[in-house]
């Protein structure tokens, strides 16, 4: 861009900025009827108009600085949080980032009409250049909203992932004072953290003295998995509960020995049934097999 064209672009941006300031209320009223604002701000029209006005004000600031193509322009800083909330709201309603971008583009026609009318009153000089400047500015706004929409979408996916982790790791009360966590699948750092939090919460709420970590459904046990298990066992002990690791299959036992992992301080059992029997015995409960003693139903 030559120095002359840059100067002209800067002058045009200032004209558009002045226009946005003068027509702020009219633009806000028009934008309040557009899908992007109308579907997000549903409490009252005044709230919708105020939100639209804040965005118009931000665009005016960006135009005044001449940085109409810069998504990092300081003028956008004041409305990024609002744009993020709007994008997140539309995303929760099922709108894709592309759909949200189209809704931003739909803001252009109404403001373009106002700009044409405004410039006509001032003999229409430079109308074409100013319209291009306005289009570039709104194109930059579209990019800013796309960024926030994608970020909001990632946040929603992350929250859903954590919710699925919590659902996929239930803590079951087997007996008074005994809880169990059946683990299925790979035990990575994120899942281990959820396991620990869920187990400790259950130890407190159930007043459990024994907690069984059943790894029957864990395909492999390596040093990382063992480290996660040991941390969970240590945390449970600090809460006053003894952990029992069950589901130690022959292949897993060989792997643990081969890796030199020391589980000597942890009570282990081959199956969940064995772990439950151990915990019941420690609690002083006596299990009677009625069929074997002839006490079954006649």
C-alpha atoms as a PDB file:
ATOM      1  CA  UNK A   1       0.000   0.000   0.000  1.00  0.00           C
ATOM      2  CA  UNK A   2       1.441   3.395  -1.043  1.00  0.00           C
ATOM      3  CA  UNK A   3       1.735   6.299   1.373  1.00  0.00           C
ATOM      4  CA  UNK A   4      -1.060   8.130  -0.428  1.00  0.00           C
ATOM      5  CA  UNK A   5      -3.446   5.190  -0.354  1.00  0.00           C
ATOM      6  CA  UNK A   6      -2.637   4.597   3.309  1.00  0.00           C
ATOM      7  CA  UNK A   7      -3.436   8.214   4.044  1.00  0.00           C
ATOM      8  CA  UNK A   8      -6.706   7.955   2.137  1.00  0.00           C
ATOM      9  CA  UNK A   9      -7.594   4.731   3.962  1.00  0.00           C
ATOM     10  CA  UNK A  10      -6.866   6.401   7.294  1.00  0.00           C
ATOM     11  CA  UNK A  11      -8.998   9.406   6.403  1.00  0.00           C
ATOM     12  CA  UNK A  12     -11.836   7.143   5.264  1.00  0.00           C
ATOM     13  CA  UNK A  13     -11.594   5.138   8.496  1.00  0.00           C
ATOM     14  CA  UNK A  14     -11.957   8.338  10.516  1.00  0.00           C
ATOM     15  CA  UNK A  15     -15.032   9.295   8.492  1.00  0.00           C
ATOM     16  CA  UNK A  16     -16.573   5.883   9.180  1.00  0.00           C
ATOM     17  CA  UNK A  17     -15.642   6.194  12.843  1.00  0.00           C
ATOM     18  CA  UNK A  18     -17.362   9.587  13.090  1.00  0.00           C
ATOM     19  CA  UNK A  19     -20.403   8.126  11.353  1.00  0.00           C
ATOM     20  CA  UNK A  20     -20.577   5.243  13.841  1.00  0.00           C
ATOM     21  CA  UNK A  21     -20.430   7.659  16.753  1.00  0.00           C
ATOM     22  CA  UNK A  22     -23.144   9.936  15.336  1.00  0.00           C
ATOM     23  CA  UNK A  23     -25.483   7.124  14.353  1.00  0.00           C
ATOM     24  CA  UNK A  24     -24.769   4.873  17.306  1.00  0.00           C
ATOM     25  CA  UNK A  25     -28.340   4.863  18.610  1.00  0.00           C
ATOM     26  CA  UNK A  26     -29.933   4.225  15.192  1.00  0.00           C
ATOM     27  CA  UNK A  27     -27.518   1.426  14.385  1.00  0.00           C
ATOM     28  CA  UNK A  28     -28.081  -0.129  17.811  1.00  0.00           C
ATOM     29  CA  UNK A  29     -31.854  -0.101  17.282  1.00  0.00           C
ATOM     30  CA  UNK A  30     -31.470  -1.821  13.896  1.00  0.00           C
ATOM     31  CA  UNK A  31     -28.976  -4.395  15.133  1.00  0.00           C
ATOM     32  CA  UNK A  32     -31.206  -5.235  18.085  1.00  0.00           C
ATOM     33  CA  UNK A  33     -33.604  -6.817  15.572  1.00  0.00           C
ATOM     34  CA  UNK A  34     -30.903  -8.988  13.977  1.00  0.00           C
ATOM     35  CA  UNK A  35     -30.626 -12.683  14.878  1.00  0.00           C
ATOM     36  CA  UNK A  36     -27.170 -12.357  16.436  1.00  0.00           C
ATOM     37  CA  UNK A  37     -28.455 -10.015  19.133  1.00  0.00           C
ATOM     38  CA  UNK A  38     -32.149 -10.896  19.305  1.00  0.00           C
ATOM     39  CA  UNK A  39     -31.558 -14.577  20.090  1.00  0.00           C
ATOM     40  CA  UNK A  40     -28.898 -13.924  22.742  1.00  0.00           C
ATOM     41  CA  UNK A  41     -30.256 -10.986  24.725  1.00  0.00           C
ATOM     42  CA  UNK A  42     -33.793 -12.052  25.544  1.00  0.00           C
ATOM     43  CA  UNK A  43     -34.476 -10.280  28.841  1.00  0.00           C
ATOM     44  CA  UNK A  44     -35.535  -6.958  27.335  1.00  0.00           C
ATOM     45  CA  UNK A  45     -35.070  -4.866  24.213  1.00  0.00           C
ATOM     46  CA  UNK A  46     -33.179  -2.273  26.233  1.00  0.00           C
ATOM     47  CA  UNK A  47     -30.610  -4.930  27.096  1.00  0.00           C
ATOM     48  CA  UNK A  48     -30.307  -5.889  23.420  1.00  0.00           C
ATOM     49  CA  UNK A  49     -29.925  -2.277  22.302  1.00  0.00           C
ATOM     50  CA  UNK A  50     -27.304  -1.652  24.970  1.00  0.00           C
ATOM     51  CA  UNK A  51     -25.277  -4.676  23.858  1.00  0.00           C
ATOM     52  CA  UNK A  52     -25.489  -3.593  20.223  1.00  0.00           C
ATOM     53  CA  UNK A  53     -24.469  -0.070  21.224  1.00  0.00           C
ATOM     54  CA  UNK A  54     -21.366  -1.369  22.992  1.00  0.00           C
ATOM     55  CA  UNK A  55     -20.294  -3.138  19.799  1.00  0.00           C
ATOM     56  CA  UNK A  56     -20.933  -0.040  17.663  1.00  0.00           C
ATOM     57  CA  UNK A  57     -18.843   1.995  20.105  1.00  0.00           C
ATOM     58  CA  UNK A  58     -16.004  -0.517  19.846  1.00  0.00           C
ATOM     59  CA  UNK A  59     -16.097  -0.415  16.037  1.00  0.00           C
ATOM     60  CA  UNK A  60     -15.986   3.386  16.158  1.00  0.00           C
ATOM     61  CA  UNK A  61     -12.856   3.229  18.321  1.00  0.00           C
ATOM     62  CA  UNK A  62     -11.210   0.738  15.944  1.00  0.00           C
ATOM     63  CA  UNK A  63     -12.061   2.929  12.940  1.00  0.00           C
ATOM     64  CA  UNK A  64     -10.709   6.019  14.680  1.00  0.00           C
ATOM     65  CA  UNK A  65      -7.327   4.334  15.120  1.00  0.00           C
ATOM     66  CA  UNK A  66      -7.279   3.307  11.464  1.00  0.00           C
ATOM     67  CA  UNK A  67      -6.581  -0.355  12.314  1.00  0.00           C
ATOM     68  CA  UNK A  68      -9.667  -1.649  10.530  1.00  0.00           C
ATOM     69  CA  UNK A  69      -7.973  -4.862   9.365  1.00  0.00           C
ATOM     70  CA  UNK A  70      -6.366  -5.755  12.694  1.00  0.00           C
ATOM     71  CA  UNK A  71      -8.237  -8.341  14.779  1.00  0.00           C
ATOM     72  CA  UNK A  72      -5.974  -7.401  17.693  1.00  0.00           C
ATOM     73  CA  UNK A  73      -6.894  -3.706  17.540  1.00  0.00           C
ATOM     74  CA  UNK A  74      -7.305  -2.341  21.099  1.00  0.00           C
ATOM     75  CA  UNK A  75     -10.819  -1.177  20.284  1.00  0.00           C
ATOM     76  CA  UNK A  76     -12.027  -4.785  20.242  1.00  0.00           C
ATOM     77  CA  UNK A  77     -10.682  -5.472  23.744  1.00  0.00           C
ATOM     78  CA  UNK A  78     -13.717  -4.007  25.489  1.00  0.00           C
ATOM     79  CA  UNK A  79     -16.215  -6.214  23.667  1.00  0.00           C
ATOM     80  CA  UNK A  80     -14.296  -9.475  23.308  1.00  0.00           C
ATOM     81  CA  UNK A  81     -15.885 -10.839  26.470  1.00  0.00           C
ATOM     82  CA  UNK A  82     -19.341  -9.845  25.228  1.00  0.00           C
ATOM     83  CA  UNK A  83     -18.638 -11.404  21.831  1.00  0.00           C
ATOM     84  CA  UNK A  84     -17.430 -14.575  23.548  1.00  0.00           C
ATOM     85  CA  UNK A  85     -20.667 -14.800  25.560  1.00  0.00           C
ATOM     86  CA  UNK A  86     -22.717 -14.221  22.422  1.00  0.00           C
ATOM     87  CA  UNK A  87     -20.789 -16.830  20.448  1.00  0.00           C
ATOM     88  CA  UNK A  88     -21.074 -19.327  23.308  1.00  0.00           C
ATOM     89  CA  UNK A  89     -24.825 -18.700  23.578  1.00  0.00           C
ATOM     90  CA  UNK A  90     -25.319 -19.266  19.852  1.00  0.00           C
ATOM     91  CA  UNK A  91     -23.103 -22.368  19.967  1.00  0.00           C
ATOM     92  CA  UNK A  92     -25.182 -23.831  22.819  1.00  0.00           C
ATOM     93  CA  UNK A  93     -28.269 -23.182  20.701  1.00  0.00           C
ATOM     94  CA  UNK A  94     -26.761 -25.352  17.971  1.00  0.00           C
ATOM     95  CA  UNK A  95     -25.358 -22.648  15.669  1.00  0.00           C
ATOM     96  CA  UNK A  96     -22.127 -23.608  13.909  1.00  0.00           C
ATOM     97  CA  UNK A  97     -19.213 -21.135  13.620  1.00  0.00           C
ATOM     98  CA  UNK A  98     -20.124 -20.665   9.947  1.00  0.00           C
ATOM     99  CA  UNK A  99     -23.720 -19.867  10.887  1.00  0.00           C
ATOM    100  CA  UNK A 100     -22.544 -17.359  13.503  1.00  0.00           C
ATOM    101  CA  UNK A 101     -20.271 -15.739  10.910  1.00  0.00           C
ATOM    102  CA  UNK A 102     -23.251 -15.382   8.562  1.00  0.00           C
ATOM    103  CA  UNK A 103     -25.220 -13.712  11.354  1.00  0.00           C
ATOM    104  CA  UNK A 104     -22.393 -11.214  11.773  1.00  0.00           C
ATOM    105  CA  UNK A 105     -22.399 -10.573   8.024  1.00  0.00           C
ATOM    106  CA  UNK A 106     -26.136  -9.875   8.254  1.00  0.00           C
ATOM    107  CA  UNK A 107     -25.327  -6.756  10.302  1.00  0.00           C
ATOM    108  CA  UNK A 108     -23.792  -5.081   7.239  1.00  0.00           C
ATOM    109  CA  UNK A 109     -26.813  -4.172   5.048  1.00  0.00           C
ATOM    110  CA  UNK A 110     -28.635  -2.068   7.636  1.00  0.00           C
ATOM    111  CA  UNK A 111     -25.539  -0.074   8.607  1.00  0.00           C
ATOM    112  CA  UNK A 112     -24.535   0.326   4.966  1.00  0.00           C
ATOM    113  CA  UNK A 113     -27.886   1.934   4.182  1.00  0.00           C
ATOM    114  CA  UNK A 114     -27.403   4.403   7.014  1.00  0.00           C
ATOM    115  CA  UNK A 115     -23.894   5.252   5.818  1.00  0.00           C
ATOM    116  CA  UNK A 116     -25.166   5.919   2.290  1.00  0.00           C
ATOM    117  CA  UNK A 117     -27.895   8.182   3.638  1.00  0.00           C
ATOM    118  CA  UNK A 118     -25.474   9.940   5.955  1.00  0.00           C
ATOM    119  CA  UNK A 119     -22.980  10.631   3.177  1.00  0.00           C
ATOM    120  CA  UNK A 120     -25.734  11.790   0.816  1.00  0.00           C
ATOM    121  CA  UNK A 121     -26.502  14.592   3.240  1.00  0.00           C
ATOM    122  CA  UNK A 122     -22.844  15.597   2.967  1.00  0.00           C
ATOM    123  CA  UNK A 123     -22.975  15.675  -0.892  1.00  0.00           C
ATOM    124  CA  UNK A 124     -21.938  11.997  -1.178  1.00  0.00           C
ATOM    125  CA  UNK A 125     -18.218  12.636  -1.594  1.00  0.00           C
ATOM    126  CA  UNK A 126     -16.133   9.479  -1.296  1.00  0.00           C
ATOM    127  CA  UNK A 127     -19.166   7.267  -0.760  1.00  0.00           C
ATOM    128  CA  UNK A 128     -17.611   4.270  -2.514  1.00  0.00           C
ATOM    129  CA  UNK A 129     -14.363   4.434  -0.565  1.00  0.00           C
ATOM    130  CA  UNK A 130     -16.173   4.796   2.741  1.00  0.00           C
ATOM    131  CA  UNK A 131     -18.403   1.820   1.955  1.00  0.00           C
ATOM    132  CA  UNK A 132     -15.309  -0.263   1.260  1.00  0.00           C
ATOM    133  CA  UNK A 133     -13.829   0.862   4.571  1.00  0.00           C
ATOM    134  CA  UNK A 134     -17.023  -0.111   6.383  1.00  0.00           C
ATOM    135  CA  UNK A 135     -17.043  -3.501   4.656  1.00  0.00           C
ATOM    136  CA  UNK A 136     -13.435  -4.143   5.680  1.00  0.00           C
ATOM    137  CA  UNK A 137     -14.177  -3.130   9.274  1.00  0.00           C
ATOM    138  CA  UNK A 138     -17.172  -5.476   9.503  1.00  0.00           C
ATOM    139  CA  UNK A 139     -15.117  -8.214   7.836  1.00  0.00           C
ATOM    140  CA  UNK A 140     -12.566  -7.848  10.643  1.00  0.00           C
ATOM    141  CA  UNK A 141     -15.395  -8.017  13.178  1.00  0.00           C
ATOM    142  CA  UNK A 142     -16.490 -11.241  11.534  1.00  0.00           C
ATOM    143  CA  UNK A 143     -13.002 -12.697  12.013  1.00  0.00           C
ATOM    144  CA  UNK A 144     -12.972 -11.626  15.667  1.00  0.00           C
ATOM    145  CA  UNK A 145     -16.335 -13.306  16.246  1.00  0.00           C
ATOM    146  CA  UNK A 146     -15.142 -16.451  14.437  1.00  0.00           C
ATOM    147  CA  UNK A 147     -12.149 -16.628  16.769  1.00  0.00           C
ATOM    148  CA  UNK A 148     -14.326 -16.277  19.835  1.00  0.00           C
ATOM    149  CA  UNK A 149     -16.883 -18.746  18.444  1.00  0.00           C
ATOM    150  CA  UNK A 150     -14.224 -21.396  17.865  1.00  0.00           C
ATOM    151  CA  UNK A 151     -12.793 -20.745  21.321  1.00  0.00           C
ATOM    152  CA  UNK A 152     -16.269 -21.006  22.861  1.00  0.00           C
ATOM    153  CA  UNK A 153     -16.850 -24.256  20.967  1.00  0.00           C
ATOM    154  CA  UNK A 154     -13.598 -25.685  22.310  1.00  0.00           C
ATOM    155  CA  UNK A 155     -14.597 -24.698  25.844  1.00  0.00           C
ATOM    156  CA  UNK A 156     -17.970 -26.448  25.465  1.00  0.00           C
ATOM    157  CA  UNK A 157     -16.286 -29.592  24.109  1.00  0.00           C
ATOM    158  CA  UNK A 158     -13.847 -29.574  27.028  1.00  0.00           C
ATOM    159  CA  UNK A 159     -16.669 -29.211  29.577  1.00  0.00           C
ATOM    160  CA  UNK A 160     -18.584 -32.035  27.902  1.00  0.00           C
ATOM    161  CA  UNK A 161     -15.461 -34.197  27.922  1.00  0.00           C
ATOM    162  CA  UNK A 162     -15.035 -33.644  31.658  1.00  0.00           C
ATOM    163  CA  UNK A 163     -18.719 -34.370  32.252  1.00  0.00           C
ATOM    164  CA  UNK A 164     -18.393 -37.634  30.307  1.00  0.00           C
ATOM    165  CA  UNK A 165     -15.337 -38.539  32.370  1.00  0.00           C
ATOM    166  CA  UNK A 166     -17.302 -38.011  35.565  1.00  0.00           C
ATOM    167  CA  UNK A 167     -20.214 -40.095  34.281  1.00  0.00           C
ATOM    168  CA  UNK A 168     -17.859 -42.825  33.076  1.00  0.00           C
ATOM    169  CA  UNK A 169     -16.223 -43.145  36.506  1.00  0.00           C
ATOM    170  CA  UNK A 170     -18.972 -44.011  38.996  1.00  0.00           C
ATOM    171  CA  UNK A 171     -18.283 -44.641  42.679  1.00  0.00           C
ATOM    172  CA  UNK A 172     -20.432 -47.512  43.944  1.00  0.00           C
ATOM    173  CA  UNK A 173     -21.368 -48.195  47.554  1.00  0.00           C
ATOM    174  CA  UNK A 174     -20.932 -51.957  48.055  1.00  0.00           C
ATOM    175  CA  UNK A 175     -21.516 -52.085  51.790  1.00  0.00           C
ATOM    176  CA  UNK A 176     -21.650 -49.763  54.745  1.00  0.00           C
ATOM    177  CA  UNK A 177     -18.149 -48.312  54.900  1.00  0.00           C
ATOM    178  CA  UNK A 178     -17.059 -49.841  51.559  1.00  0.00           C
ATOM    179  CA  UNK A 179     -17.049 -48.104  48.161  1.00  0.00           C
ATOM    180  CA  UNK A 180     -15.674 -49.234  44.808  1.00  0.00           C
ATOM    181  CA  UNK A 181     -14.538 -47.546  41.604  1.00  0.00           C
ATOM    182  CA  UNK A 182     -14.607 -49.822  38.544  1.00  0.00           C
ATOM    183  CA  UNK A 183     -12.069 -48.478  36.059  1.00  0.00           C
ATOM    184  CA  UNK A 184     -12.491 -49.184  32.357  1.00  0.00           C
ATOM    185  CA  UNK A 185     -10.161 -48.086  29.570  1.00  0.00           C
ATOM    186  CA  UNK A 186      -6.896 -46.188  29.584  1.00  0.00           C
ATOM    187  CA  UNK A 187      -6.059 -44.368  32.801  1.00  0.00           C
ATOM    188  CA  UNK A 188      -4.459 -41.082  31.757  1.00  0.00           C
ATOM    189  CA  UNK A 189      -3.733 -37.993  33.858  1.00  0.00           C
ATOM    190  CA  UNK A 190      -7.145 -36.383  33.270  1.00  0.00           C
ATOM    191  CA  UNK A 191      -9.089 -39.522  34.173  1.00  0.00           C
ATOM    192  CA  UNK A 192      -6.839 -40.157  37.166  1.00  0.00           C
ATOM    193  CA  UNK A 193      -7.638 -36.712  38.527  1.00  0.00           C
ATOM    194  CA  UNK A 194     -11.381 -37.355  38.137  1.00  0.00           C
ATOM    195  CA  UNK A 195     -10.994 -40.791  39.795  1.00  0.00           C
ATOM    196  CA  UNK A 196      -9.190 -39.254  42.742  1.00  0.00           C
ATOM    197  CA  UNK A 197     -11.715 -36.433  43.183  1.00  0.00           C
ATOM    198  CA  UNK A 198     -14.726 -38.755  42.861  1.00  0.00           C
ATOM    199  CA  UNK A 199     -13.258 -41.327  45.233  1.00  0.00           C
ATOM    200  CA  UNK A 200     -12.296 -38.793  47.911  1.00  0.00           C
ATOM    201  CA  UNK A 201     -15.724 -37.203  47.737  1.00  0.00           C
ATOM    202  CA  UNK A 202     -17.344 -40.629  48.166  1.00  0.00           C
ATOM    203  CA  UNK A 203     -15.059 -41.466  51.096  1.00  0.00           C
ATOM    204  CA  UNK A 204     -16.307 -38.356  52.856  1.00  0.00           C
ATOM    205  CA  UNK A 205     -20.011 -38.604  51.976  1.00  0.00           C
ATOM    206  CA  UNK A 206     -20.212 -42.391  52.562  1.00  0.00           C
ATOM    207  CA  UNK A 207     -17.856 -42.337  55.549  1.00  0.00           C
ATOM    208  CA  UNK A 208     -16.035 -45.194  53.879  1.00  0.00           C
ATOM    209  CA  UNK A 209     -13.202 -47.009  55.600  1.00  0.00           C
ATOM    210  CA  UNK A 210     -12.321 -49.103  52.543  1.00  0.00           C
ATOM    211  CA  UNK A 211     -12.159 -48.082  48.894  1.00  0.00           C
ATOM    212  CA  UNK A 212     -11.707 -50.636  46.139  1.00  0.00           C
ATOM    213  CA  UNK A 213     -10.056 -49.618  42.866  1.00  0.00           C
ATOM    214  CA  UNK A 214     -10.981 -52.327  40.400  1.00  0.00           C
ATOM    215  CA  UNK A 215      -8.714 -52.289  37.330  1.00  0.00           C
ATOM    216  CA  UNK A 216     -10.200 -55.359  35.648  1.00  0.00           C
ATOM    217  CA  UNK A 217     -11.230 -53.159  32.705  1.00  0.00           C
ATOM    218  CA  UNK A 218      -7.859 -51.405  32.362  1.00  0.00           C
ATOM    219  CA  UNK A 219      -6.127 -53.008  29.354  1.00  0.00           C
ATOM    220  CA  UNK A 220      -2.526 -52.396  30.425  1.00  0.00           C
ATOM    221  CA  UNK A 221      -0.680 -51.191  33.498  1.00  0.00           C
ATOM    222  CA  UNK A 222       2.528 -49.274  32.920  1.00  0.00           C
ATOM    223  CA  UNK A 223       4.606 -47.082  35.207  1.00  0.00           C
ATOM    224  CA  UNK A 224       2.365 -44.066  34.558  1.00  0.00           C
ATOM    225  CA  UNK A 225      -0.825 -45.954  35.435  1.00  0.00           C
ATOM    226  CA  UNK A 226       0.857 -47.360  38.551  1.00  0.00           C
ATOM    227  CA  UNK A 227       1.910 -43.851  39.562  1.00  0.00           C
ATOM    228  CA  UNK A 228      -1.678 -42.613  39.198  1.00  0.00           C
ATOM    229  CA  UNK A 229      -2.938 -45.535  41.306  1.00  0.00           C
ATOM    230  CA  UNK A 230      -0.376 -44.902  44.036  1.00  0.00           C
ATOM    231  CA  UNK A 231      -1.327 -41.217  44.221  1.00  0.00           C
ATOM    232  CA  UNK A 232      -4.990 -42.156  44.565  1.00  0.00           C
ATOM    233  CA  UNK A 233      -4.179 -44.697  47.281  1.00  0.00           C
ATOM    234  CA  UNK A 234      -2.102 -42.112  49.163  1.00  0.00           C
ATOM    235  CA  UNK A 235      -4.855 -39.492  48.923  1.00  0.00           C
ATOM    236  CA  UNK A 236      -7.465 -41.945  50.196  1.00  0.00           C
ATOM    237  CA  UNK A 237      -5.245 -42.854  53.159  1.00  0.00           C
ATOM    238  CA  UNK A 238      -4.978 -39.207  54.088  1.00  0.00           C
ATOM    239  CA  UNK A 239      -8.783 -39.189  54.227  1.00  0.00           C
ATOM    240  CA  UNK A 240      -8.756 -42.206  56.566  1.00  0.00           C
ATOM    241  CA  UNK A 241      -9.682 -44.918  54.050  1.00  0.00           C
ATOM    242  CA  UNK A 242      -7.634 -47.950  53.039  1.00  0.00           C
ATOM    243  CA  UNK A 243      -7.464 -48.659  49.301  1.00  0.00           C
ATOM    244  CA  UNK A 244      -7.587 -52.120  47.824  1.00  0.00           C
ATOM    245  CA  UNK A 245      -6.572 -52.612  44.170  1.00  0.00           C
ATOM    246  CA  UNK A 246      -8.448 -55.489  42.575  1.00  0.00           C
ATOM    247  CA  UNK A 247      -8.471 -56.999  39.105  1.00  0.00           C
ATOM    248  CA  UNK A 248      -4.767 -57.948  39.073  1.00  0.00           C
ATOM    249  CA  UNK A 249      -4.723 -60.425  36.178  1.00  0.00           C
ATOM    250  CA  UNK A 250      -1.698 -62.687  35.547  1.00  0.00           C
ATOM    251  CA  UNK A 251      -0.545 -60.598  32.580  1.00  0.00           C
ATOM    252  CA  UNK A 252      -0.763 -57.386  34.609  1.00  0.00           C
ATOM    253  CA  UNK A 253       1.061 -59.005  37.532  1.00  0.00           C
ATOM    254  CA  UNK A 254       3.916 -60.010  35.203  1.00  0.00           C
ATOM    255  CA  UNK A 255       4.055 -56.494  33.735  1.00  0.00           C
ATOM    256  CA  UNK A 256       4.228 -54.920  37.191  1.00  0.00           C
ATOM    257  CA  UNK A 257       7.091 -57.239  38.196  1.00  0.00           C
ATOM    258  CA  UNK A 258       8.900 -56.664  34.884  1.00  0.00           C
ATOM    259  CA  UNK A 259       8.697 -52.884  35.302  1.00  0.00           C
ATOM    260  CA  UNK A 260       9.919 -53.116  38.868  1.00  0.00           C
ATOM    261  CA  UNK A 261       6.868 -51.283  40.202  1.00  0.00           C
ATOM    262  CA  UNK A 262       6.599 -51.535  43.983  1.00  0.00           C
ATOM    263  CA  UNK A 263       3.025 -52.079  45.147  1.00  0.00           C
ATOM    264  CA  UNK A 264       4.159 -53.619  48.408  1.00  0.00           C
ATOM    265  CA  UNK A 265       2.356 -51.049  50.530  1.00  0.00           C
ATOM    266  CA  UNK A 266      -0.918 -51.549  48.663  1.00  0.00           C
ATOM    267  CA  UNK A 267      -3.411 -54.334  49.362  1.00  0.00           C
ATOM    268  CA  UNK A 268      -4.111 -56.148  46.084  1.00  0.00           C
ATOM    269  CA  UNK A 269      -6.580 -58.861  45.172  1.00  0.00           C
ATOM    270  CA  UNK A 270      -7.230 -60.847  41.997  1.00  0.00           C
ATOM    271  CA  UNK A 271     -10.900 -59.960  41.738  1.00  0.00           C
ATOM    272  CA  UNK A 272     -13.474 -57.496  42.984  1.00  0.00           C
ATOM    273  CA  UNK A 273     -15.145 -60.306  44.956  1.00  0.00           C
ATOM    274  CA  UNK A 274     -11.895 -61.071  46.755  1.00  0.00           C
ATOM    275  CA  UNK A 275     -11.384 -57.394  47.543  1.00  0.00           C
ATOM    276  CA  UNK A 276     -14.912 -57.086  48.921  1.00  0.00           C
ATOM    277  CA  UNK A 277     -14.421 -60.221  51.043  1.00  0.00           C
ATOM    278  CA  UNK A 278     -11.183 -58.753  52.452  1.00  0.00           C
ATOM    279  CA  UNK A 279     -12.852 -55.429  53.295  1.00  0.00           C
ATOM    280  CA  UNK A 280     -15.823 -57.158  54.937  1.00  0.00           C
ATOM    281  CA  UNK A 281     -13.482 -59.324  57.011  1.00  0.00           C
ATOM    282  CA  UNK A 282     -11.580 -56.239  58.132  1.00  0.00           C
ATOM    283  CA  UNK A 283     -14.843 -54.641  59.189  1.00  0.00           C
ATOM    284  CA  UNK A 284     -15.719 -57.752  61.210  1.00  0.00           C
ATOM    285  CA  UNK A 285     -18.627 -58.755  58.972  1.00  0.00           C
ATOM    286  CA  UNK A 286     -19.297 -62.485  58.652  1.00  0.00           C
ATOM    287  CA  UNK A 287     -20.598 -63.870  55.346  1.00  0.00           C
ATOM    288  CA  UNK A 288     -22.514 -67.112  55.708  1.00  0.00           C
ATOM    289  CA  UNK A 289     -23.113 -69.394  52.734  1.00  0.00           C
ATOM    290  CA  UNK A 290     -26.612 -70.681  53.543  1.00  0.00           C
ATOM    291  CA  UNK A 291     -26.581 -73.246  50.759  1.00  0.00           C
ATOM    292  CA  UNK A 292     -23.362 -74.793  52.072  1.00  0.00           C
ATOM    293  CA  UNK A 293     -24.601 -74.867  55.677  1.00  0.00           C
ATOM    294  CA  UNK A 294     -28.015 -76.200  54.811  1.00  0.00           C
ATOM    295  CA  UNK A 295     -29.702 -72.958  55.748  1.00  0.00           C
ATOM    296  CA  UNK A 296     -31.134 -72.276  52.326  1.00  0.00           C
ATOM    297  CA  UNK A 297     -34.836 -72.087  51.537  1.00  0.00           C
ATOM    298  CA  UNK A 298     -36.709 -75.395  51.800  1.00  0.00           C
END
